[in-house]
C-alpha atoms as a PDB file:
ATOM      1  CA  ILE A   1       0.000   0.000   0.000  1.00  0.00           C
ATOM      2  CA  TYR A   2       1.289   3.414  -0.994  1.00  0.00           C
ATOM      3  CA  ILE A   3      -0.082   6.786   0.008  1.00  0.00           C
ATOM      4  CA  VAL A   4      -0.729   9.421  -2.633  1.00  0.00           C
ATOM      5  CA  SER A   5      -1.914  12.587  -0.975  1.00  0.00           C
ATOM      6  CA  ASP A   6      -2.279  16.326  -1.404  1.00  0.00           C
ATOM      7  CA  HIS A   7      -1.500  17.039   2.268  1.00  0.00           C
ATOM      8  CA  ILE A   8       0.796  19.951   2.932  1.00  0.00           C
ATOM      9  CA  LYS A   9       4.308  19.133   4.147  1.00  0.00           C
ATOM     10  CA  THR A  10       3.686  20.311   7.722  1.00  0.00           C
ATOM     11  CA  LYS A  11       0.821  17.807   8.171  1.00  0.00           C
ATOM     12  CA  ILE A  12       2.807  14.732   7.139  1.00  0.00           C
ATOM     13  CA  PRO A  13       4.566  14.250  10.515  1.00  0.00           C
ATOM     14  CA  LEU A  14       1.199  14.632  12.256  1.00  0.00           C
ATOM     15  CA  LEU A  15      -0.233  11.788  10.165  1.00  0.00           C
ATOM     16  CA  HIS A  16       2.724   9.578  11.073  1.00  0.00           C
ATOM     17  CA  TYR A  17       2.294  10.459  14.745  1.00  0.00           C
ATOM     18  CA  ALA A  18      -1.470   9.838  14.730  1.00  0.00           C
ATOM     19  CA  HIS A  19      -1.243   6.496  12.880  1.00  0.00           C
ATOM     20  CA  PRO A  20       2.129   4.898  13.689  1.00  0.00           C
ATOM     21  CA  ASP A  21       0.988   1.294  13.203  1.00  0.00           C
ATOM     22  CA  ILE A  22      -0.403   2.033   9.749  1.00  0.00           C
ATOM     23  CA  PHE A  23       2.755   3.762   8.584  1.00  0.00           C
ATOM     24  CA  GLU A  24       5.044   1.178  10.180  1.00  0.00           C
ATOM     25  CA  HIS A  25       3.256  -2.004   9.095  1.00  0.00           C
ATOM     26  CA  LEU A  26       1.075  -1.257   6.055  1.00  0.00           C
ATOM     27  CA  ILE A  27       2.539   1.625   4.087  1.00  0.00           C
ATOM     28  CA  LYS A  28       5.397   0.737   1.735  1.00  0.00           C
ATOM     29  CA  GLY A  29       5.815   4.192   0.241  1.00  0.00           C
ATOM     30  CA  GLU A  30       4.495   7.712   0.209  1.00  0.00           C
ATOM     31  CA  TYR A  31       3.940  10.159  -2.623  1.00  0.00           C
ATOM     32  CA  TRP A  32       3.010  13.634  -1.404  1.00  0.00           C
ATOM     33  CA  SER A  33       1.957  16.320  -3.849  1.00  0.00           C
ATOM     34  CA  CYS A  34       4.225  18.797  -2.068  1.00  0.00           C
ATOM     35  CA  ASP A  35       7.191  16.618  -3.077  1.00  0.00           C
ATOM     36  CA  LEU A  36       5.900  15.853  -6.572  1.00  0.00           C
ATOM     37  CA  GLY A  37       5.345  19.536  -7.347  1.00  0.00           C
ATOM     38  CA  CYS A  38       1.707  19.088  -8.403  1.00  0.00           C
ATOM     39  CA  VAL A  39      -1.631  18.067  -6.877  1.00  0.00           C
ATOM     40  CA  LYS A  40      -4.015  15.302  -7.942  1.00  0.00           C
ATOM     41  CA  GLY A  41      -6.163  17.772  -9.854  1.00  0.00           C
ATOM     42  CA  ASP A  42      -3.260  18.920 -12.065  1.00  0.00           C
ATOM     43  CA  LEU A  43      -2.892  17.451 -15.559  1.00  0.00           C
ATOM     44  CA  ALA A  44       0.732  16.577 -14.770  1.00  0.00           C
ATOM     45  CA  PHE A  45      -0.002  14.712 -11.537  1.00  0.00           C
ATOM     46  CA  PHE A  46      -0.545  11.160 -12.752  1.00  0.00           C
ATOM     47  CA  PRO A  47       2.207  11.183 -15.398  1.00  0.00           C
ATOM     48  CA  THR A  48       4.570  12.539 -12.724  1.00  0.00           C
ATOM     49  CA  LEU A  49       3.446   9.912 -10.224  1.00  0.00           C
ATOM     50  CA  LEU A  50       3.800   7.083 -12.737  1.00  0.00           C
ATOM     51  CA  SER A  51       7.293   8.261 -13.676  1.00  0.00           C
ATOM     52  CA  LYS A  52       8.337   8.099  -9.986  1.00  0.00           C
ATOM     53  CA  THR A  53       7.033   4.591  -9.283  1.00  0.00           C
ATOM     54  CA  CYS A  54       8.394   1.265 -10.427  1.00  0.00           C
ATOM     55  CA  ILE A  55       4.937  -0.283 -10.222  1.00  0.00           C
ATOM     56  CA  PRO A  56       3.317  -1.334 -13.504  1.00  0.00           C
ATOM     57  CA  VAL A  57       0.094   0.601 -14.107  1.00  0.00           C
ATOM     58  CA  GLU A  58      -1.804  -2.725 -14.287  1.00  0.00           C
ATOM     59  CA  GLN A  59      -0.952  -3.339 -10.622  1.00  0.00           C
ATOM     60  CA  ILE A  60      -2.148   0.013  -9.311  1.00  0.00           C
ATOM     61  CA  VAL A  61      -5.504   0.591  -7.644  1.00  0.00           C
ATOM     62  CA  PHE A  62      -6.185   4.253  -6.938  1.00  0.00           C
ATOM     63  CA  VAL A  63      -8.744   5.086  -4.229  1.00  0.00           C
ATOM     64  CA  ASP A  64     -10.010   8.621  -3.759  1.00  0.00           C
ATOM     65  CA  ASP A  65     -13.150  10.362  -2.559  1.00  0.00           C
ATOM     66  CA  ILE A  66     -13.115  12.967  -5.324  1.00  0.00           C
ATOM     67  CA  LYS A  67     -14.690  11.886  -8.611  1.00  0.00           C
ATOM     68  CA  SER A  68     -12.572  14.184 -10.783  1.00  0.00           C
ATOM     69  CA  ASN A  69      -9.393  12.612  -9.329  1.00  0.00           C
ATOM     70  CA  ILE A  70     -10.774   9.159 -10.158  1.00  0.00           C
ATOM     71  CA  GLU A  71     -11.542  10.257 -13.721  1.00  0.00           C
ATOM     72  CA  SER A  72      -8.029  11.703 -14.122  1.00  0.00           C
ATOM     73  CA  ALA A  73      -6.405   8.474 -12.913  1.00  0.00           C
ATOM     74  CA  GLU A  74      -8.542   6.397 -15.270  1.00  0.00           C
ATOM     75  CA  LYS A  75      -7.336   8.478 -18.227  1.00  0.00           C
ATOM     76  CA  TYR A  76      -3.879   7.019 -17.558  1.00  0.00           C
ATOM     77  CA  GLY A  77      -5.105   3.430 -17.344  1.00  0.00           C
ATOM     78  CA  ILE A  78      -5.138   3.320 -13.544  1.00  0.00           C
ATOM     79  CA  TYR A  79      -7.893   1.166 -12.058  1.00  0.00           C
ATOM     80  CA  SER A  80      -9.747   3.458  -9.669  1.00  0.00           C
ATOM     81  CA  ILE A  81     -12.341   3.214  -6.928  1.00  0.00           C
ATOM     82  CA  LEU A  82     -14.426   6.141  -5.750  1.00  0.00           C
ATOM     83  CA  PHE A  83     -14.396   5.942  -1.954  1.00  0.00           C
ATOM     84  CA  LYS A  84     -17.808   6.283  -0.304  1.00  0.00           C
ATOM     85  CA  ASN A  85     -17.318   4.360   2.934  1.00  0.00           C
ATOM     86  CA  ALA A  86     -15.094   1.645   4.403  1.00  0.00           C
ATOM     87  CA  LYS A  87     -17.595  -1.177   3.786  1.00  0.00           C
ATOM     88  CA  GLN A  88     -17.995  -0.259   0.100  1.00  0.00           C
ATOM     89  CA  LEU A  89     -14.229   0.045  -0.359  1.00  0.00           C
ATOM     90  CA  LYS A  90     -13.527  -3.323   1.255  1.00  0.00           C
ATOM     91  CA  SER A  91     -16.200  -4.964  -0.889  1.00  0.00           C
ATOM     92  CA  GLU A  92     -14.793  -3.498  -4.110  1.00  0.00           C
ATOM     93  CA  LEU A  93     -11.253  -4.474  -3.169  1.00  0.00           C
ATOM     94  CA  ILE A  94     -12.369  -8.049  -2.456  1.00  0.00           C
ATOM     95  CA  ASP A  95     -14.158  -8.088  -5.823  1.00  0.00           C
ATOM     96  CA  ILE A  96     -10.849  -7.438  -7.586  1.00  0.00           C
ATOM     97  CA  GLY A  97      -8.914 -10.011  -5.586  1.00  0.00           C
ATOM     98  CA  PHE A  98      -7.600  -8.302  -2.471  1.00  0.00           C
ATOM     99  CA  ARG A  99      -7.459 -10.507   0.608  1.00  0.00           C
ATOM    100  CA  PHE A 100      -7.886  -9.234   4.134  1.00  0.00           C
ATOM    101  CA  SER A 101      -6.694 -11.117   7.196  1.00  0.00           C
END
């Protein structure tokens, strides 16, 4: 699991502090818009993100609660899920083969 977020740089340490177990055990990498130089709504965001990762686009699942971000990701061949609630997200992830322990 990788994080792709538009949080500002000063909030990143707060997220790590608030959720240490998630960042220590689940998150393999982080891509922050403040480091990429563009936000998810920018035309350059997904090409920039894809150029920074070594993950094939076919293996990426993008989850976001903003429909326009989902539509932008899909334009680059990224499978995307519009987040509505945790139950819906878990169900859709299971539908595409994710396993939860």
